[in-house]
PDB file of N, CA and C in Angstrom:
ATOM      1  N   MET A   1       6.784   2.160 -16.829  1.00  0.00           N
ATOM      2  CA  MET A   1       7.399   2.187 -15.344  1.00  0.00           C
ATOM      3  C   MET A   1       7.678   3.848 -15.546  1.00  0.00           C
ATOM      4  N   LEU A   2       7.240   4.197 -14.260  1.00  0.00           N
ATOM      5  CA  LEU A   2       7.347   5.637 -13.592  1.00  0.00           C
ATOM      6  C   LEU A   2       8.600   6.067 -13.161  1.00  0.00           C
ATOM      7  N   HIS A   3       9.420   6.987 -13.462  1.00  0.00           N
ATOM      8  CA  HIS A   3      10.494   7.419 -12.831  1.00  0.00           C
ATOM      9  C   HIS A   3      10.151   8.605 -11.602  1.00  0.00           C
ATOM     10  N   ILE A   4      10.272   8.127 -10.366  1.00  0.00           N
ATOM     11  CA  ILE A   4      10.392   8.696  -9.051  1.00  0.00           C
ATOM     12  C   ILE A   4      11.415   9.493  -8.714  1.00  0.00           C
ATOM     13  N   HIS A   5      11.151  10.674  -8.392  1.00  0.00           N
ATOM     14  CA  HIS A   5      11.921  11.923  -7.679  1.00  0.00           C
ATOM     15  C   HIS A   5      11.607  12.412  -6.313  1.00  0.00           C
ATOM     16  N   GLU A   6      12.637  12.623  -5.559  1.00  0.00           N
ATOM     17  CA  GLU A   6      12.678  13.139  -4.474  1.00  0.00           C
ATOM     18  C   GLU A   6      11.197  14.099  -4.057  1.00  0.00           C
ATOM     19  N   GLY A   7      10.703  13.776  -3.330  1.00  0.00           N
ATOM     20  CA  GLY A   7       9.768  14.383  -2.769  1.00  0.00           C
ATOM     21  C   GLY A   7       8.456  13.645  -2.994  1.00  0.00           C
ATOM     22  N   GLN A   8       8.529  12.778  -3.898  1.00  0.00           N
ATOM     23  CA  GLN A   8       7.391  11.966  -4.048  1.00  0.00           C
ATOM     24  C   GLN A   8       7.202  10.791  -3.367  1.00  0.00           C
ATOM     25  N   CYS A   9       5.691  10.425  -3.221  1.00  0.00           N
ATOM     26  CA  CYS A   9       5.382   9.097  -2.062  1.00  0.00           C
ATOM     27  C   CYS A   9       6.255   8.051  -2.382  1.00  0.00           C
ATOM     28  N   GLY A  10       6.703   7.490  -3.371  1.00  0.00           N
ATOM     29  CA  GLY A  10       7.300   6.120  -3.428  1.00  0.00           C
ATOM     30  C   GLY A  10       8.748   6.462  -2.443  1.00  0.00           C
ATOM     31  N   LEU A  11       9.215   7.639  -2.345  1.00  0.00           N
ATOM     32  CA  LEU A  11      10.458   7.693  -1.509  1.00  0.00           C
ATOM     33  C   LEU A  11      10.169   8.374  -0.343  1.00  0.00           C
ATOM     34  N   CYS A  12       8.759   8.598   0.010  1.00  0.00           N
ATOM     35  CA  CYS A  12       8.459   8.655   1.236  1.00  0.00           C
ATOM     36  C   CYS A  12       8.132   7.813   2.737  1.00  0.00           C
ATOM     37  N   THR A  13       8.939   7.678   3.691  1.00  0.00           N
ATOM     38  CA  THR A  13       8.283   6.743   4.567  1.00  0.00           C
ATOM     39  C   THR A  13       7.290   6.659   5.125  1.00  0.00           C
ATOM     40  N   HIS A  14       6.074   7.351   4.823  1.00  0.00           N
ATOM     41  CA  HIS A  14       4.951   6.869   5.117  1.00  0.00           C
ATOM     42  C   HIS A  14       3.958   5.996   4.016  1.00  0.00           C
ATOM     43  N   PHE A  15       4.639   5.789   2.767  1.00  0.00           N
ATOM     44  CA  PHE A  15       4.088   5.265   1.567  1.00  0.00           C
ATOM     45  C   PHE A  15       4.275   3.697   1.788  1.00  0.00           C
ATOM     46  N   GLY A  16       3.489   3.023   1.957  1.00  0.00           N
ATOM     47  CA  GLY A  16       3.216   1.766   2.349  1.00  0.00           C
ATOM     48  C   GLY A  16       3.771   1.206   3.947  1.00  0.00           C
ATOM     49  N   GLU A  17       3.974   2.293   4.867  1.00  0.00           N
ATOM     50  CA  GLU A  17       4.396   2.500   6.271  1.00  0.00           C
ATOM     51  C   GLU A  17       3.931   1.002   6.949  1.00  0.00           C
ATOM     52  N   GLU A  18       2.787   0.425   6.836  1.00  0.00           N
ATOM     53  CA  GLU A  18       2.413  -0.721   7.239  1.00  0.00           C
ATOM     54  C   GLU A  18       3.043  -1.686   6.964  1.00  0.00           C
ATOM     55  N   HIS A  19       4.059  -1.765   6.036  1.00  0.00           N
ATOM     56  CA  HIS A  19       4.658  -3.003   5.645  1.00  0.00           C
ATOM     57  C   HIS A  19       6.175  -2.706   4.964  1.00  0.00           C
ATOM     58  N   PRO A  20       6.776  -1.910   6.095  1.00  0.00           N
ATOM     59  CA  PRO A  20       7.884  -1.147   5.336  1.00  0.00           C
ATOM     60  C   PRO A  20       9.132  -2.109   4.759  1.00  0.00           C
ATOM     61  N   GLN A  21       8.942  -3.444   5.111  1.00  0.00           N
ATOM     62  CA  GLN A  21      10.050  -4.237   4.233  1.00  0.00           C
ATOM     63  C   GLN A  21       9.749  -4.995   3.136  1.00  0.00           C
ATOM     64  N   ASP A  22       8.625  -4.622   2.572  1.00  0.00           N
ATOM     65  CA  ASP A  22       7.814  -5.163   1.630  1.00  0.00           C
ATOM     66  C   ASP A  22       9.000  -4.839   0.216  1.00  0.00           C
ATOM     67  N   GLN A  23       9.466  -6.374  -0.378  1.00  0.00           N
ATOM     68  CA  GLN A  23      10.237  -6.371  -1.392  1.00  0.00           C
ATOM     69  C   GLN A  23       9.666  -5.014  -2.911  1.00  0.00           C
ATOM     70  N   ARG A  24       8.608  -4.841  -2.926  1.00  0.00           N
ATOM     71  CA  ARG A  24       8.304  -4.048  -3.934  1.00  0.00           C
ATOM     72  C   ARG A  24       8.800  -2.441  -3.427  1.00  0.00           C
ATOM     73  N   LEU A  25       8.703  -2.099  -2.123  1.00  0.00           N
ATOM     74  CA  LEU A  25       9.102  -0.668  -1.592  1.00  0.00           C
ATOM     75  C   LEU A  25      10.591  -0.790  -1.862  1.00  0.00           C
ATOM     76  N   THR A  26      11.100  -1.648  -1.354  1.00  0.00           N
ATOM     77  CA  THR A  26      12.339  -1.621  -1.404  1.00  0.00           C
ATOM     78  C   THR A  26      12.675  -1.555  -3.158  1.00  0.00           C
ATOM     79  N   HIS A  27      12.612  -2.323  -4.120  1.00  0.00           N
ATOM     80  CA  HIS A  27      13.023  -2.234  -5.365  1.00  0.00           C
ATOM     81  C   HIS A  27      12.219  -0.678  -5.734  1.00  0.00           C
ATOM     82  N   ILE A  28      11.222  -0.008  -5.319  1.00  0.00           N
ATOM     83  CA  ILE A  28      10.797   1.130  -5.636  1.00  0.00           C
ATOM     84  C   ILE A  28      11.842   2.192  -5.356  1.00  0.00           C
ATOM     85  N   ARG A  29      12.276   2.295  -4.194  1.00  0.00           N
ATOM     86  CA  ARG A  29      13.502   3.165  -3.319  1.00  0.00           C
ATOM     87  C   ARG A  29      14.723   3.064  -3.701  1.00  0.00           C
ATOM     88  N   THR A  30      15.155   1.717  -4.244  1.00  0.00           N
ATOM     89  CA  THR A  30      16.649   1.665  -4.499  1.00  0.00           C
ATOM     90  C   THR A  30      16.514   1.955  -6.319  1.00  0.00           C
ATOM     91  N   SER A  31      15.529   1.451  -6.699  1.00  0.00           N
ATOM     92  CA  SER A  31      15.641   1.735  -8.575  1.00  0.00           C
ATOM     93  C   SER A  31      15.514   3.353  -9.182  1.00  0.00           C
ATOM     94  N   MET A  32      14.264   3.994  -7.966  1.00  0.00           N
ATOM     95  CA  MET A  32      13.180   4.851  -8.389  1.00  0.00           C
ATOM     96  C   MET A  32      12.530   4.894  -9.492  1.00  0.00           C
ATOM     97  N   GLU A  33      12.155   3.767  -9.442  1.00  0.00           N
ATOM     98  CA  GLU A  33      10.995   3.591 -10.415  1.00  0.00           C
ATOM     99  C   GLU A  33       9.760   2.682  -9.999  1.00  0.00           C
ATOM    100  N   ALA A  34       8.552   2.788 -10.093  1.00  0.00           N
ATOM    101  CA  ALA A  34       7.863   1.802  -9.732  1.00  0.00           C
ATOM    102  C   ALA A  34       6.590   1.740 -11.045  1.00  0.00           C
ATOM    103  N   ASP A  35       5.605   0.629 -11.174  1.00  0.00           N
ATOM    104  CA  ASP A  35       4.770   0.577 -12.182  1.00  0.00           C
ATOM    105  C   ASP A  35       3.776   1.472 -11.789  1.00  0.00           C
ATOM    106  N   GLU A  36       3.327   1.893 -12.939  1.00  0.00           N
ATOM    107  CA  GLU A  36       2.243   3.213 -12.756  1.00  0.00           C
ATOM    108  C   GLU A  36       1.171   2.753 -12.417  1.00  0.00           C
ATOM    109  N   GLU A  37       0.767   1.446 -12.097  1.00  0.00           N
ATOM    110  CA  GLU A  37      -0.262   1.213 -11.915  1.00  0.00           C
ATOM    111  C   GLU A  37      -0.431   0.586 -10.143  1.00  0.00           C
ATOM    112  N   PHE A  38       0.501   0.440  -9.775  1.00  0.00           N
ATOM    113  CA  PHE A  38       0.971  -0.018  -8.322  1.00  0.00           C
ATOM    114  C   PHE A  38       0.343   1.433  -7.382  1.00  0.00           C
ATOM    115  N   VAL A  39      -0.449   0.901  -6.342  1.00  0.00           N
ATOM    116  CA  VAL A  39      -0.498   2.019  -5.194  1.00  0.00           C
ATOM    117  C   VAL A  39      -0.766   1.323  -4.040  1.00  0.00           C
ATOM    118  N   ASP A  40      -0.670   2.517  -3.030  1.00  0.00           N
ATOM    119  CA  ASP A  40      -0.168   1.604  -1.870  1.00  0.00           C
ATOM    120  C   ASP A  40      -1.154   2.912  -0.725  1.00  0.00           C
ATOM    121  N   ILE A  41      -0.960   2.523   0.592  1.00  0.00           N
ATOM    122  CA  ILE A  41      -1.517   3.473   1.602  1.00  0.00           C
ATOM    123  C   ILE A  41      -0.702   4.700   1.954  1.00  0.00           C
ATOM    124  N   CYS A  42      -0.956   5.530   2.556  1.00  0.00           N
ATOM    125  CA  CYS A  42      -0.297   6.693   2.772  1.00  0.00           C
ATOM    126  C   CYS A  42      -0.505   6.477   4.484  1.00  0.00           C
ATOM    127  N   GLY A  43       0.657   6.477   5.053  1.00  0.00           N
ATOM    128  CA  GLY A  43       0.621   6.146   6.752  1.00  0.00           C
ATOM    129  C   GLY A  43       0.608   7.667   7.602  1.00  0.00           C
ATOM    130  N   HIS A  44       0.713   8.792   6.456  1.00  0.00           N
ATOM    131  CA  HIS A  44       1.179  10.072   6.969  1.00  0.00           C
ATOM    132  C   HIS A  44       0.013  10.378   8.602  1.00  0.00           C
ATOM    133  N   PRO A  45       0.537  10.739   9.546  1.00  0.00           N
ATOM    134  CA  PRO A  45      -0.451  10.868  10.633  1.00  0.00           C
ATOM    135  C   PRO A  45      -1.537  11.839  10.316  1.00  0.00           C
ATOM    136  N   LEU A  46      -1.459  12.725   9.605  1.00  0.00           N
ATOM    137  CA  LEU A  46      -2.340  13.821   9.401  1.00  0.00           C
ATOM    138  C   LEU A  46      -3.521  13.570   8.480  1.00  0.00           C
ATOM    139  N   LEU A  47      -3.077  11.883   7.692  1.00  0.00           N
ATOM    140  CA  LEU A  47      -3.792  11.600   6.766  1.00  0.00           C
ATOM    141  C   LEU A  47      -4.277  10.265   7.019  1.00  0.00           C
ATOM    142  N   GLU A  48      -3.786   9.486   7.874  1.00  0.00           N
ATOM    143  CA  GLU A  48      -3.903   8.097   8.064  1.00  0.00           C
ATOM    144  C   GLU A  48      -5.371   7.477   8.067  1.00  0.00           C
ATOM    145  N   ARG A  49      -6.239   8.477   9.029  1.00  0.00           N
ATOM    146  CA  ARG A  49      -7.535   8.067   9.100  1.00  0.00           C
ATOM    147  C   ARG A  49      -8.717   8.028   7.839  1.00  0.00           C
ATOM    148  N   LEU A  50      -7.577   8.867   6.859  1.00  0.00           N
ATOM    149  CA  LEU A  50      -8.379   8.910   5.472  1.00  0.00           C
ATOM    150  C   LEU A  50      -8.164   7.645   4.767  1.00  0.00           C
ATOM    151  N   HIS A  51      -7.277   6.763   5.153  1.00  0.00           N
ATOM    152  CA  HIS A  51      -7.005   5.569   4.311  1.00  0.00           C
ATOM    153  C   HIS A  51      -6.777   5.759   3.043  1.00  0.00           C
ATOM    154  N   LEU A  52      -5.655   6.761   2.466  1.00  0.00           N
ATOM    155  CA  LEU A  52      -5.599   7.464   1.442  1.00  0.00           C
ATOM    156  C   LEU A  52      -4.591   6.256   0.897  1.00  0.00           C
ATOM    157  N   LYS A  53      -5.061   5.921  -0.738  1.00  0.00           N
ATOM    158  CA  LYS A  53      -4.224   5.195  -1.548  1.00  0.00           C
ATOM    159  C   LYS A  53      -3.674   6.309  -2.649  1.00  0.00           C
ATOM    160  N   VAL A  54      -2.058   6.156  -2.576  1.00  0.00           N
ATOM    161  CA  VAL A  54      -1.473   6.951  -3.414  1.00  0.00           C
ATOM    162  C   VAL A  54      -0.743   6.217  -4.543  1.00  0.00           C
ATOM    163  N   THR A  55      -0.386   6.870  -5.362  1.00  0.00           N
ATOM    164  CA  THR A  55       0.908   6.312  -6.678  1.00  0.00           C
ATOM    165  C   THR A  55       2.032   6.494  -5.799  1.00  0.00           C
ATOM    166  N   ALA A  56       3.344   6.061  -6.253  1.00  0.00           N
ATOM    167  CA  ALA A  56       4.448   6.210  -6.214  1.00  0.00           C
ATOM    168  C   ALA A  56       4.718   7.664  -6.639  1.00  0.00           C
ATOM    169  N   THR A  57       4.227   8.012  -7.539  1.00  0.00           N
ATOM    170  CA  THR A  57       4.573   9.802  -7.984  1.00  0.00           C
ATOM    171  C   THR A  57       3.573  10.527  -7.327  1.00  0.00           C
ATOM    172  N   SER A  58       2.994  10.450  -6.469  1.00  0.00           N
ATOM    173  CA  SER A  58       2.090  11.171  -5.758  1.00  0.00           C
ATOM    174  C   SER A  58       2.901  11.997  -4.947  1.00  0.00           C
ATOM    175  N   GLY A  59       2.352  12.929  -4.069  1.00  0.00           N
ATOM    176  CA  GLY A  59       3.147  13.543  -3.354  1.00  0.00           C
ATOM    177  C   GLY A  59       2.131  14.814  -2.591  1.00  0.00           C
ATOM    178  N   CYS A  60       2.896  15.016  -1.286  1.00  0.00           N
ATOM    179  CA  CYS A  60       1.959  16.239  -0.536  1.00  0.00           C
ATOM    180  C   CYS A  60       3.402  16.949   0.747  1.00  0.00           C
ATOM    181  N   ASP A  61       2.850  17.697   1.203  1.00  0.00           N
ATOM    182  CA  ASP A  61       3.971  18.724   1.989  1.00  0.00           C
ATOM    183  C   ASP A  61       4.456  17.835   3.271  1.00  0.00           C
ATOM    184  N   GLY A  62       3.812  16.600   3.740  1.00  0.00           N
ATOM    185  CA  GLY A  62       4.399  15.757   4.684  1.00  0.00           C
ATOM    186  C   GLY A  62       5.316  14.927   4.322  1.00  0.00           C
ATOM    187  N   PHE A  63       6.152  14.779   3.033  1.00  0.00           N
ATOM    188  CA  PHE A  63       7.109  14.244   2.710  1.00  0.00           C
ATOM    189  C   PHE A  63       8.239  14.185   3.798  1.00  0.00           C
ATOM    190  N   GLU A  64       8.547  12.671   4.153  1.00  0.00           N
ATOM    191  CA  GLU A  64       9.739  12.183   4.779  1.00  0.00           C
ATOM    192  C   GLU A  64      10.499  11.155   4.388  1.00  0.00           C
ATOM    193  N   PRO A  65      11.763  11.643   3.774  1.00  0.00           N
ATOM    194  CA  PRO A  65      12.554  10.672   3.229  1.00  0.00           C
ATOM    195  C   PRO A  65      12.476   8.908   4.079  1.00  0.00           C
ATOM    196  N   ALA A  66      12.449   8.239   3.096  1.00  0.00           N
ATOM    197  CA  ALA A  66      12.545   6.582   3.762  1.00  0.00           C
ATOM    198  C   ALA A  66      14.219   6.534   3.884  1.00  0.00           C
ATOM    199  N   VAL A  67      14.304   5.580   5.028  1.00  0.00           N
ATOM    200  CA  VAL A  67      15.998   5.044   5.057  1.00  0.00           C
ATOM    201  C   VAL A  67      15.428   3.476   4.139  1.00  0.00           C
ATOM    202  N   VAL A  68      16.076   3.287   3.341  1.00  0.00           N
ATOM    203  CA  VAL A  68      16.726   1.908   2.524  1.00  0.00           C
ATOM    204  C   VAL A  68      17.402   1.003   3.631  1.00  0.00           C
ATOM    205  N   HIS A  69      16.754  -0.056   3.589  1.00  0.00           N
ATOM    206  CA  HIS A  69      17.578  -1.180   4.572  1.00  0.00           C
ATOM    207  C   HIS A  69      18.219  -1.878   3.462  1.00  0.00           C
TER     208      HIS A  69
END
């Protein structure tokens, strides 16, 4: 398991944006840990057309904190 810090994709609203209520995303955002092999799509408007798949520990300047429900 990888520990996730503020500013990394796992805690970003754009990480897995297509399915924000996914149980795996909720777990990542509440525990701040993710399986090192877990990847998901980045839905950031500037990157969306690239269909980027990133890990929870990836990051970029477009970080926006996710709201955990």
